[in-house]
Amino acid sequence: MILLGSFNSFIYFCSKITTYCECLRTYMDAKEIGIIIKERRKHLGVNQQTLADLAGVGLNTLVAIERGEGNPQLSTLLTVFDTLGLQMDIKLKTLDYETV
């Protein structure tokens, strides 16, 4: 993992993302994922070309991800997240069944 920025700024960023994700509840679409990636990149002071180079993805791919466009492979998203010091968690849905 490539760490960019200080630990304190990372903790601050994570608290903002957690708050943002809690507001979204259970579903995030491609645009929202793109916003998270773009905001983290900007927070770290990294331009798109540098992030693309560090993550080993094409610049056009990164631009499309940040715009919420295209259909990137999961491995590409995970690589970009890892480069930015982010992670993606997958959780089982909690289903609210009505009792009869």
PDB file of N, CA and C in Angstrom:
ATOM      1  N   MET A   1       0.837  -1.169   0.000  1.00  0.00           N
ATOM      2  CA  MET A   1       0.000   0.000   0.000  1.00  0.00           C
ATOM      3  C   MET A   1       0.882   1.232   0.000  1.00  0.00           C
ATOM      4  N   ILE A   2       0.512   2.207  -0.797  1.00  0.00           N
ATOM      5  CA  ILE A   2       1.245   3.465  -0.835  1.00  0.00           C
ATOM      6  C   ILE A   2       0.488   4.451   0.039  1.00  0.00           C
ATOM      7  N   LEU A   3       1.143   4.975   1.063  1.00  0.00           N
ATOM      8  CA  LEU A   3       0.500   5.928   1.953  1.00  0.00           C
ATOM      9  C   LEU A   3       0.872   7.336   1.546  1.00  0.00           C
ATOM     10  N   LEU A   4      -0.110   8.174   1.408  1.00  0.00           N
ATOM     11  CA  LEU A   4       0.103   9.556   1.040  1.00  0.00           C
ATOM     12  C   LEU A   4      -0.506  10.434   2.123  1.00  0.00           C
ATOM     13  N   GLY A   5       0.202  11.439   2.602  1.00  0.00           N
ATOM     14  CA  GLY A   5      -0.344  12.346   3.594  1.00  0.00           C
ATOM     15  C   GLY A   5      -0.084  11.870   5.006  1.00  0.00           C
ATOM     16  N   SER A   6      -0.481  12.686   5.963  1.00  0.00           N
ATOM     17  CA  SER A   6      -0.241  12.357   7.364  1.00  0.00           C
ATOM     18  C   SER A   6      -1.349  11.478   7.914  1.00  0.00           C
ATOM     19  N   PHE A   7      -1.032  10.814   9.018  1.00  0.00           N
ATOM     20  CA  PHE A   7      -1.989   9.928   9.663  1.00  0.00           C
ATOM     21  C   PHE A   7      -3.196  10.718  10.173  1.00  0.00           C
ATOM     22  N   ASN A   8      -2.967  11.888  10.759  1.00  0.00           N
ATOM     23  CA  ASN A   8      -4.068  12.691  11.291  1.00  0.00           C
ATOM     24  C   ASN A   8      -5.020  13.143  10.186  1.00  0.00           C
ATOM     25  N   SER A   9      -4.470  13.545   9.047  1.00  0.00           N
ATOM     26  CA  SER A   9      -5.348  13.967   7.962  1.00  0.00           C
ATOM     27  C   SER A   9      -6.115  12.772   7.405  1.00  0.00           C
ATOM     28  N   PHE A  10      -5.496  11.604   7.439  1.00  0.00           N
ATOM     29  CA  PHE A  10      -6.175  10.391   6.986  1.00  0.00           C
ATOM     30  C   PHE A  10      -7.352  10.065   7.903  1.00  0.00           C
ATOM     31  N   ILE A  11      -7.137  10.171   9.227  1.00  0.00           N
ATOM     32  CA  ILE A  11      -8.209   9.903  10.191  1.00  0.00           C
ATOM     33  C   ILE A  11      -9.352  10.900   9.976  1.00  0.00           C
ATOM     34  N   TYR A  12      -9.015  12.172   9.792  1.00  0.00           N
ATOM     35  CA  TYR A  12     -10.030  13.190   9.540  1.00  0.00           C
ATOM     36  C   TYR A  12     -10.830  12.848   8.279  1.00  0.00           C
ATOM     37  N   PHE A  13     -10.124  12.465   7.219  1.00  0.00           N
ATOM     38  CA  PHE A  13     -10.778  12.126   5.960  1.00  0.00           C
ATOM     39  C   PHE A  13     -11.705  10.933   6.159  1.00  0.00           C
ATOM     40  N   CYS A  14     -11.228   9.909   6.878  1.00  0.00           N
ATOM     41  CA  CYS A  14     -12.050   8.710   7.106  1.00  0.00           C
ATOM     42  C   CYS A  14     -13.314   9.049   7.876  1.00  0.00           C
ATOM     43  N   SER A  15     -13.214   9.955   8.853  1.00  0.00           N
ATOM     44  CA  SER A  15     -14.407  10.328   9.611  1.00  0.00           C
ATOM     45  C   SER A  15     -15.411  11.027   8.693  1.00  0.00           C
ATOM     46  N   LYS A  16     -14.921  11.846   7.758  1.00  0.00           N
ATOM     47  CA  LYS A  16     -15.810  12.504   6.803  1.00  0.00           C
ATOM     48  C   LYS A  16     -16.471  11.473   5.883  1.00  0.00           C
ATOM     49  N   ILE A  17     -15.677  10.516   5.398  1.00  0.00           N
ATOM     50  CA  ILE A  17     -16.216   9.486   4.504  1.00  0.00           C
ATOM     51  C   ILE A  17     -17.218   8.624   5.252  1.00  0.00           C
ATOM     52  N   THR A  18     -16.911   8.253   6.499  1.00  0.00           N
ATOM     53  CA  THR A  18     -17.829   7.435   7.284  1.00  0.00           C
ATOM     54  C   THR A  18     -19.159   8.165   7.445  1.00  0.00           C
ATOM     55  N   THR A  19     -19.090   9.435   7.781  1.00  0.00           N
ATOM     56  CA  THR A  19     -20.307  10.230   7.922  1.00  0.00           C
ATOM     57  C   THR A  19     -21.063  10.257   6.594  1.00  0.00           C
ATOM     58  N   TYR A  20     -20.341  10.458   5.493  1.00  0.00           N
ATOM     59  CA  TYR A  20     -20.945  10.492   4.171  1.00  0.00           C
ATOM     60  C   TYR A  20     -21.611   9.159   3.854  1.00  0.00           C
ATOM     61  N   CYS A  21     -20.919   8.056   4.122  1.00  0.00           N
ATOM     62  CA  CYS A  21     -21.438   6.730   3.805  1.00  0.00           C
ATOM     63  C   CYS A  21     -22.634   6.372   4.684  1.00  0.00           C
ATOM     64  N   GLU A  22     -22.618   6.818   5.946  1.00  0.00           N
ATOM     65  CA  GLU A  22     -23.757   6.546   6.818  1.00  0.00           C
ATOM     66  C   GLU A  22     -25.008   7.222   6.290  1.00  0.00           C
ATOM     67  N   CYS A  23     -24.822   8.398   5.680  1.00  0.00           N
ATOM     68  CA  CYS A  23     -25.964   9.103   5.095  1.00  0.00           C
ATOM     69  C   CYS A  23     -26.519   8.331   3.910  1.00  0.00           C
ATOM     70  N   LEU A  24     -25.652   7.614   3.218  1.00  0.00           N
ATOM     71  CA  LEU A  24     -26.080   6.857   2.035  1.00  0.00           C
ATOM     72  C   LEU A  24     -26.754   5.546   2.426  1.00  0.00           C
ATOM     73  N   ARG A  25     -26.552   5.123   3.633  1.00  0.00           N
ATOM     74  CA  ARG A  25     -27.106   3.902   4.213  1.00  0.00           C
ATOM     75  C   ARG A  25     -26.545   2.655   3.552  1.00  0.00           C
ATOM     76  N   THR A  26     -27.256   2.080   2.606  1.00  0.00           N
ATOM     77  CA  THR A  26     -26.864   0.762   2.128  1.00  0.00           C
ATOM     78  C   THR A  26     -26.344   0.728   0.692  1.00  0.00           C
ATOM     79  N   TYR A  27     -26.475   1.814  -0.050  1.00  0.00           N
ATOM     80  CA  TYR A  27     -26.176   1.723  -1.469  1.00  0.00           C
ATOM     81  C   TYR A  27     -25.334   2.912  -1.921  1.00  0.00           C
ATOM     82  N   MET A  28     -24.298   2.610  -2.649  1.00  0.00           N
ATOM     83  CA  MET A  28     -23.479   3.659  -3.253  1.00  0.00           C
ATOM     84  C   MET A  28     -23.405   3.377  -4.743  1.00  0.00           C
ATOM     85  N   ASP A  29     -23.667   4.401  -5.536  1.00  0.00           N
ATOM     86  CA  ASP A  29     -23.563   4.194  -6.977  1.00  0.00           C
ATOM     87  C   ASP A  29     -22.192   4.657  -7.473  1.00  0.00           C
ATOM     88  N   ALA A  30     -21.970   4.520  -8.754  1.00  0.00           N
ATOM     89  CA  ALA A  30     -20.661   4.836  -9.347  1.00  0.00           C
ATOM     90  C   ALA A  30     -20.283   6.296  -9.150  1.00  0.00           C
ATOM     91  N   LYS A  31     -21.259   7.204  -9.225  1.00  0.00           N
ATOM     92  CA  LYS A  31     -20.971   8.628  -9.024  1.00  0.00           C
ATOM     93  C   LYS A  31     -20.454   8.883  -7.614  1.00  0.00           C
ATOM     94  N   GLU A  32     -21.070   8.277  -6.620  1.00  0.00           N
ATOM     95  CA  GLU A  32     -20.674   8.479  -5.231  1.00  0.00           C
ATOM     96  C   GLU A  32     -19.286   7.900  -4.954  1.00  0.00           C
ATOM     97  N   ILE A  33     -18.978   6.763  -5.555  1.00  0.00           N
ATOM     98  CA  ILE A  33     -17.635   6.196  -5.427  1.00  0.00           C
ATOM     99  C   ILE A  33     -16.621   7.133  -6.077  1.00  0.00           C
ATOM    100  N   GLY A  34     -16.967   7.664  -7.235  1.00  0.00           N
ATOM    101  CA  GLY A  34     -16.094   8.624  -7.915  1.00  0.00           C
ATOM    102  C   GLY A  34     -15.834   9.864  -7.081  1.00  0.00           C
ATOM    103  N   ILE A  35     -16.862  10.357  -6.397  1.00  0.00           N
ATOM    104  CA  ILE A  35     -16.716  11.529  -5.532  1.00  0.00           C
ATOM    105  C   ILE A  35     -15.732  11.234  -4.404  1.00  0.00           C
ATOM    106  N   ILE A  36     -15.854  10.063  -3.796  1.00  0.00           N
ATOM    107  CA  ILE A  36     -14.957   9.687  -2.699  1.00  0.00           C
ATOM    108  C   ILE A  36     -13.511   9.647  -3.192  1.00  0.00           C
ATOM    109  N   ILE A  37     -13.288   9.034  -4.336  1.00  0.00           N
ATOM    110  CA  ILE A  37     -11.932   8.931  -4.890  1.00  0.00           C
ATOM    111  C   ILE A  37     -11.383  10.319  -5.218  1.00  0.00           C
ATOM    112  N   LYS A  38     -12.186  11.144  -5.865  1.00  0.00           N
ATOM    113  CA  LYS A  38     -11.739  12.479  -6.248  1.00  0.00           C
ATOM    114  C   LYS A  38     -11.426  13.330  -5.019  1.00  0.00           C
ATOM    115  N   GLU A  39     -12.287  13.300  -4.015  1.00  0.00           N
ATOM    116  CA  GLU A  39     -12.070  14.100  -2.806  1.00  0.00           C
ATOM    117  C   GLU A  39     -10.827  13.633  -2.052  1.00  0.00           C
ATOM    118  N   ARG A  40     -10.599  12.336  -1.983  1.00  0.00           N
ATOM    119  CA  ARG A  40      -9.405  11.819  -1.304  1.00  0.00           C
ATOM    120  C   ARG A  40      -8.150  12.255  -2.058  1.00  0.00           C
ATOM    121  N   ARG A  41      -8.195  12.139  -3.384  1.00  0.00           N
ATOM    122  CA  ARG A  41      -7.048  12.548  -4.207  1.00  0.00           C
ATOM    123  C   ARG A  41      -6.728  14.020  -3.998  1.00  0.00           C
ATOM    124  N   LYS A  42      -7.749  14.857  -4.033  1.00  0.00           N
ATOM    125  CA  LYS A  42      -7.548  16.292  -3.842  1.00  0.00           C
ATOM    126  C   LYS A  42      -7.046  16.597  -2.435  1.00  0.00           C
ATOM    127  N   HIS A  43      -7.591  15.896  -1.443  1.00  0.00           N
ATOM    128  CA  HIS A  43      -7.160  16.089  -0.056  1.00  0.00           C
ATOM    129  C   HIS A  43      -5.664  15.802   0.098  1.00  0.00           C
ATOM    130  N   LEU A  44      -5.185  14.827  -0.644  1.00  0.00           N
ATOM    131  CA  LEU A  44      -3.766  14.456  -0.585  1.00  0.00           C
ATOM    132  C   LEU A  44      -2.901  15.342  -1.470  1.00  0.00           C
ATOM    133  N   GLY A  45      -3.519  16.188  -2.279  1.00  0.00           N
ATOM    134  CA  GLY A  45      -2.757  17.083  -3.147  1.00  0.00           C
ATOM    135  C   GLY A  45      -2.113  16.376  -4.319  1.00  0.00           C
ATOM    136  N   VAL A  46      -2.774  15.342  -4.815  1.00  0.00           N
ATOM    137  CA  VAL A  46      -2.240  14.547  -5.922  1.00  0.00           C
ATOM    138  C   VAL A  46      -3.079  14.829  -7.162  1.00  0.00           C
ATOM    139  N   ASN A  47      -2.429  15.061  -8.300  1.00  0.00           N
ATOM    140  CA  ASN A  47      -3.198  15.263  -9.527  1.00  0.00           C
ATOM    141  C   ASN A  47      -3.580  13.909 -10.139  1.00  0.00           C
ATOM    142  N   GLN A  48      -4.469  13.958 -11.107  1.00  0.00           N
ATOM    143  CA  GLN A  48      -4.973  12.723 -11.708  1.00  0.00           C
ATOM    144  C   GLN A  48      -3.875  11.903 -12.374  1.00  0.00           C
ATOM    145  N   GLN A  49      -2.966  12.552 -13.070  1.00  0.00           N
ATOM    146  CA  GLN A  49      -1.898  11.823 -13.758  1.00  0.00           C
ATOM    147  C   GLN A  49      -1.014  11.078 -12.758  1.00  0.00           C
ATOM    148  N   THR A  50      -0.679  11.737 -11.649  1.00  0.00           N
ATOM    149  CA  THR A  50       0.168  11.103 -10.630  1.00  0.00           C
ATOM    150  C   THR A  50      -0.535   9.900 -10.018  1.00  0.00           C
ATOM    151  N   LEU A  51      -1.822  10.066  -9.667  1.00  0.00           N
ATOM    152  CA  LEU A  51      -2.558   8.935  -9.096  1.00  0.00           C
ATOM    153  C   LEU A  51      -2.658   7.793 -10.091  1.00  0.00           C
ATOM    154  N   ALA A  52      -2.933   8.104 -11.340  1.00  0.00           N
ATOM    155  CA  ALA A  52      -3.017   7.059 -12.365  1.00  0.00           C
ATOM    156  C   ALA A  52      -1.694   6.308 -12.473  1.00  0.00           C
ATOM    157  N   ASP A  53      -0.577   7.044 -12.450  1.00  0.00           N
ATOM    158  CA  ASP A  53       0.741   6.407 -12.524  1.00  0.00           C
ATOM    159  C   ASP A  53       1.008   5.538 -11.301  1.00  0.00           C
ATOM    160  N   LEU A  54       0.708   6.064 -10.102  1.00  0.00           N
ATOM    161  CA  LEU A  54       0.946   5.305  -8.869  1.00  0.00           C
ATOM    162  C   LEU A  54       0.093   4.044  -8.803  1.00  0.00           C
ATOM    163  N   ALA A  55      -1.138   4.144  -9.295  1.00  0.00           N
ATOM    164  CA  ALA A  55      -2.053   3.000  -9.243  1.00  0.00           C
ATOM    165  C   ALA A  55      -1.867   2.047 -10.418  1.00  0.00           C
ATOM    166  N   GLY A  56      -1.133   2.494 -11.432  1.00  0.00           N
ATOM    167  CA  GLY A  56      -0.925   1.641 -12.603  1.00  0.00           C
ATOM    168  C   GLY A  56      -2.166   1.511 -13.467  1.00  0.00           C
ATOM    169  N   VAL A  57      -2.967   2.575 -13.509  1.00  0.00           N
ATOM    170  CA  VAL A  57      -4.150   2.578 -14.375  1.00  0.00           C
ATOM    171  C   VAL A  57      -4.013   3.729 -15.360  1.00  0.00           C
ATOM    172  N   GLY A  58      -4.762   3.669 -16.421  1.00  0.00           N
ATOM    173  CA  GLY A  58      -4.719   4.727 -17.420  1.00  0.00           C
ATOM    174  C   GLY A  58      -5.378   6.004 -16.917  1.00  0.00           C
ATOM    175  N   LEU A  59      -4.901   7.129 -17.386  1.00  0.00           N
ATOM    176  CA  LEU A  59      -5.472   8.413 -17.001  1.00  0.00           C
ATOM    177  C   LEU A  59      -6.944   8.487 -17.385  1.00  0.00           C
ATOM    178  N   ASN A  60      -7.282   8.048 -18.597  1.00  0.00           N
ATOM    179  CA  ASN A  60      -8.690   8.074 -19.028  1.00  0.00           C
ATOM    180  C   ASN A  60      -9.572   7.199 -18.136  1.00  0.00           C
ATOM    181  N   THR A  61      -9.024   6.084 -17.670  1.00  0.00           N
ATOM    182  CA  THR A  61      -9.763   5.212 -16.758  1.00  0.00           C
ATOM    183  C   THR A  61     -10.044   5.923 -15.451  1.00  0.00           C
ATOM    184  N   LEU A  62      -9.031   6.569 -14.890  1.00  0.00           N
ATOM    185  CA  LEU A  62      -9.193   7.285 -13.626  1.00  0.00           C
ATOM    186  C   LEU A  62     -10.193   8.435 -13.771  1.00  0.00           C
ATOM    187  N   VAL A  63     -10.100   9.188 -14.850  1.00  0.00           N
ATOM    188  CA  VAL A  63     -11.029  10.291 -15.090  1.00  0.00           C
ATOM    189  C   VAL A  63     -12.465   9.754 -15.156  1.00  0.00           C
ATOM    190  N   ALA A  64     -12.662   8.660 -15.865  1.00  0.00           N
ATOM    191  CA  ALA A  64     -13.999   8.065 -15.981  1.00  0.00           C
ATOM    192  C   ALA A  64     -14.516   7.603 -14.618  1.00  0.00           C
ATOM    193  N   ILE A  65     -13.645   7.000 -13.801  1.00  0.00           N
ATOM    194  CA  ILE A  65     -14.052   6.547 -12.469  1.00  0.00           C
ATOM    195  C   ILE A  65     -14.485   7.744 -11.623  1.00  0.00           C
ATOM    196  N   GLU A  66     -13.692   8.804 -11.635  1.00  0.00           N
ATOM    197  CA  GLU A  66     -14.025   9.982 -10.832  1.00  0.00           C
ATOM    198  C   GLU A  66     -15.328  10.629 -11.293  1.00  0.00           C
ATOM    199  N   ARG A  67     -15.680  10.493 -12.552  1.00  0.00           N
ATOM    200  CA  ARG A  67     -16.927  11.055 -13.073  1.00  0.00           C
ATOM    201  C   ARG A  67     -18.115  10.114 -12.874  1.00  0.00           C
ATOM    202  N   GLY A  68     -17.829   8.898 -12.406  1.00  0.00           N
ATOM    203  CA  GLY A  68     -18.898   7.922 -12.237  1.00  0.00           C
ATOM    204  C   GLY A  68     -19.347   7.316 -13.542  1.00  0.00           C
ATOM    205  N   GLU A  69     -18.448   7.331 -14.516  1.00  0.00           N
ATOM    206  CA  GLU A  69     -18.764   6.820 -15.845  1.00  0.00           C
ATOM    207  C   GLU A  69     -18.026   5.508 -16.094  1.00  0.00           C
ATOM    208  N   GLY A  70     -18.388   4.860 -17.161  1.00  0.00           N
ATOM    209  CA  GLY A  70     -17.711   3.623 -17.525  1.00  0.00           C
ATOM    210  C   GLY A  70     -18.112   2.478 -16.616  1.00  0.00           C
ATOM    211  N   ASN A  71     -17.393   1.398 -16.749  1.00  0.00           N
ATOM    212  CA  ASN A  71     -17.668   0.198 -15.971  1.00  0.00           C
ATOM    213  C   ASN A  71     -16.331  -0.439 -15.594  1.00  0.00           C
ATOM    214  N   PRO A  72     -15.595   0.169 -14.644  1.00  0.00           N
ATOM    215  CA  PRO A  72     -14.266  -0.346 -14.315  1.00  0.00           C
ATOM    216  C   PRO A  72     -14.343  -1.711 -13.641  1.00  0.00           C
ATOM    217  N   GLN A  73     -13.297  -2.478 -13.841  1.00  0.00           N
ATOM    218  CA  GLN A  73     -13.210  -3.761 -13.161  1.00  0.00           C
ATOM    219  C   GLN A  73     -13.053  -3.523 -11.665  1.00  0.00           C
ATOM    220  N   LEU A  74     -13.548  -4.448 -10.866  1.00  0.00           N
ATOM    221  CA  LEU A  74     -13.419  -4.341  -9.418  1.00  0.00           C
ATOM    222  C   LEU A  74     -11.950  -4.258  -9.020  1.00  0.00           C
ATOM    223  N   SER A  75     -11.095  -5.002  -9.690  1.00  0.00           N
ATOM    224  CA  SER A  75      -9.665  -4.978  -9.361  1.00  0.00           C
ATOM    225  C   SER A  75      -9.077  -3.580  -9.593  1.00  0.00           C
ATOM    226  N   THR A  76      -9.564  -2.868 -10.603  1.00  0.00           N
ATOM    227  CA  THR A  76      -9.092  -1.506 -10.864  1.00  0.00           C
ATOM    228  C   THR A  76      -9.511  -0.574  -9.732  1.00  0.00           C
ATOM    229  N   LEU A  77     -10.771  -0.659  -9.317  1.00  0.00           N
ATOM    230  CA  LEU A  77     -11.245   0.159  -8.202  1.00  0.00           C
ATOM    231  C   LEU A  77     -10.462  -0.134  -6.927  1.00  0.00           C
ATOM    232  N   LEU A  78     -10.239  -1.408  -6.649  1.00  0.00           N
ATOM    233  CA  LEU A  78      -9.506  -1.780  -5.437  1.00  0.00           C
ATOM    234  C   LEU A  78      -8.072  -1.267  -5.472  1.00  0.00           C
ATOM    235  N   THR A  79      -7.453  -1.268  -6.646  1.00  0.00           N
ATOM    236  CA  THR A  79      -6.092  -0.747  -6.782  1.00  0.00           C
ATOM    237  C   THR A  79      -6.056   0.752  -6.515  1.00  0.00           C
ATOM    238  N   VAL A  80      -7.005   1.491  -7.063  1.00  0.00           N
ATOM    239  CA  VAL A  80      -7.075   2.934  -6.829  1.00  0.00           C
ATOM    240  C   VAL A  80      -7.340   3.205  -5.353  1.00  0.00           C
ATOM    241  N   PHE A  81      -8.283   2.478  -4.751  1.00  0.00           N
ATOM    242  CA  PHE A  81      -8.561   2.633  -3.326  1.00  0.00           C
ATOM    243  C   PHE A  81      -7.310   2.368  -2.499  1.00  0.00           C
ATOM    244  N   ASP A  82      -6.620   1.299  -2.790  1.00  0.00           N
ATOM    245  CA  ASP A  82      -5.417   0.936  -2.032  1.00  0.00           C
ATOM    246  C   ASP A  82      -4.354   2.024  -2.148  1.00  0.00           C
ATOM    247  N   THR A  83      -4.171   2.549  -3.340  1.00  0.00           N
ATOM    248  CA  THR A  83      -3.187   3.602  -3.563  1.00  0.00           C
ATOM    249  C   THR A  83      -3.514   4.846  -2.743  1.00  0.00           C
ATOM    250  N   LEU A  84      -4.810   5.114  -2.572  1.00  0.00           N
ATOM    251  CA  LEU A  84      -5.244   6.277  -1.802  1.00  0.00           C
ATOM    252  C   LEU A  84      -5.365   5.998  -0.305  1.00  0.00           C
ATOM    253  N   GLY A  85      -5.079   4.757   0.097  1.00  0.00           N
ATOM    254  CA  GLY A  85      -5.195   4.409   1.509  1.00  0.00           C
ATOM    255  C   GLY A  85      -6.637   4.191   1.938  1.00  0.00           C
ATOM    256  N   LEU A  86      -7.482   3.820   0.990  1.00  0.00           N
ATOM    257  CA  LEU A  86      -8.888   3.548   1.273  1.00  0.00           C
ATOM    258  C   LEU A  86      -9.137   2.058   1.154  1.00  0.00           C
ATOM    259  N   GLN A  87     -10.256   1.620   1.692  1.00  0.00           N
ATOM    260  CA  GLN A  87     -10.645   0.225   1.506  1.00  0.00           C
ATOM    261  C   GLN A  87     -12.141   0.153   1.261  1.00  0.00           C
ATOM    262  N   MET A  88     -12.554  -0.930   0.631  1.00  0.00           N
ATOM    263  CA  MET A  88     -13.960  -1.156   0.349  1.00  0.00           C
ATOM    264  C   MET A  88     -14.386  -2.381   1.144  1.00  0.00           C
ATOM    265  N   ASP A  89     -15.455  -2.251   1.884  1.00  0.00           N
ATOM    266  CA  ASP A  89     -15.978  -3.367   2.663  1.00  0.00           C
ATOM    267  C   ASP A  89     -17.283  -3.846   2.051  1.00  0.00           C
ATOM    268  N   ILE A  90     -17.455  -5.151   2.052  1.00  0.00           N
ATOM    269  CA  ILE A  90     -18.698  -5.743   1.573  1.00  0.00           C
ATOM    270  C   ILE A  90     -19.366  -6.390   2.771  1.00  0.00           C
ATOM    271  N   LYS A  91     -20.614  -6.031   2.981  1.00  0.00           N
ATOM    272  CA  LYS A  91     -21.355  -6.545   4.125  1.00  0.00           C
ATOM    273  C   LYS A  91     -22.635  -7.206   3.643  1.00  0.00           C
ATOM    274  N   LEU A  92     -23.106  -8.170   4.424  1.00  0.00           N
ATOM    275  CA  LEU A  92     -24.392  -8.777   4.141  1.00  0.00           C
ATOM    276  C   LEU A  92     -25.495  -7.785   4.472  1.00  0.00           C
ATOM    277  N   LYS A  93     -26.501  -7.764   3.658  1.00  0.00           N
ATOM    278  CA  LYS A  93     -27.633  -6.889   3.909  1.00  0.00           C
ATOM    279  C   LYS A  93     -28.388  -7.383   5.141  1.00  0.00           C
ATOM    280  N   THR A  94     -28.905  -6.448   5.874  1.00  0.00           N
ATOM    281  CA  THR A  94     -29.817  -6.782   6.957  1.00  0.00           C
ATOM    282  C   THR A  94     -31.215  -6.643   6.396  1.00  0.00           C
ATOM    283  N   LEU A  95     -31.931  -7.736   6.376  1.00  0.00           N
ATOM    284  CA  LEU A  95     -33.272  -7.725   5.797  1.00  0.00           C
ATOM    285  C   LEU A  95     -34.297  -7.597   6.911  1.00  0.00           C
ATOM    286  N   ASP A  96     -35.211  -6.705   6.720  1.00  0.00           N
ATOM    287  CA  ASP A  96     -36.287  -6.513   7.691  1.00  0.00           C
ATOM    288  C   ASP A  96     -37.528  -7.236   7.185  1.00  0.00           C
ATOM    289  N   TYR A  97     -37.732  -8.439   7.712  1.00  0.00           N
ATOM    290  CA  TYR A  97     -38.917  -9.204   7.329  1.00  0.00           C
ATOM    291  C   TYR A  97     -40.036  -8.893   8.302  1.00  0.00           C
ATOM    292  N   GLU A  98     -41.237  -8.759   7.743  1.00  0.00           N
ATOM    293  CA  GLU A  98     -42.383  -8.549   8.603  1.00  0.00           C
ATOM    294  C   GLU A  98     -42.801  -9.877   9.191  1.00  0.00           C
ATOM    295  N   THR A  99     -43.101  -9.863  10.472  1.00  0.00           N
ATOM    296  CA  THR A  99     -43.581 -11.088  11.106  1.00  0.00           C
ATOM    297  C   THR A  99     -45.095 -11.131  11.012  1.00  0.00           C
ATOM    298  N   VAL A 100     -45.606 -12.295  10.764  1.00  0.00           N
ATOM    299  CA  VAL A 100     -47.053 -12.445  10.580  1.00  0.00           C
ATOM    300  C   VAL A 100     -47.660 -12.970  11.832  1.00  0.00           C
TER     301      VAL A 100
END
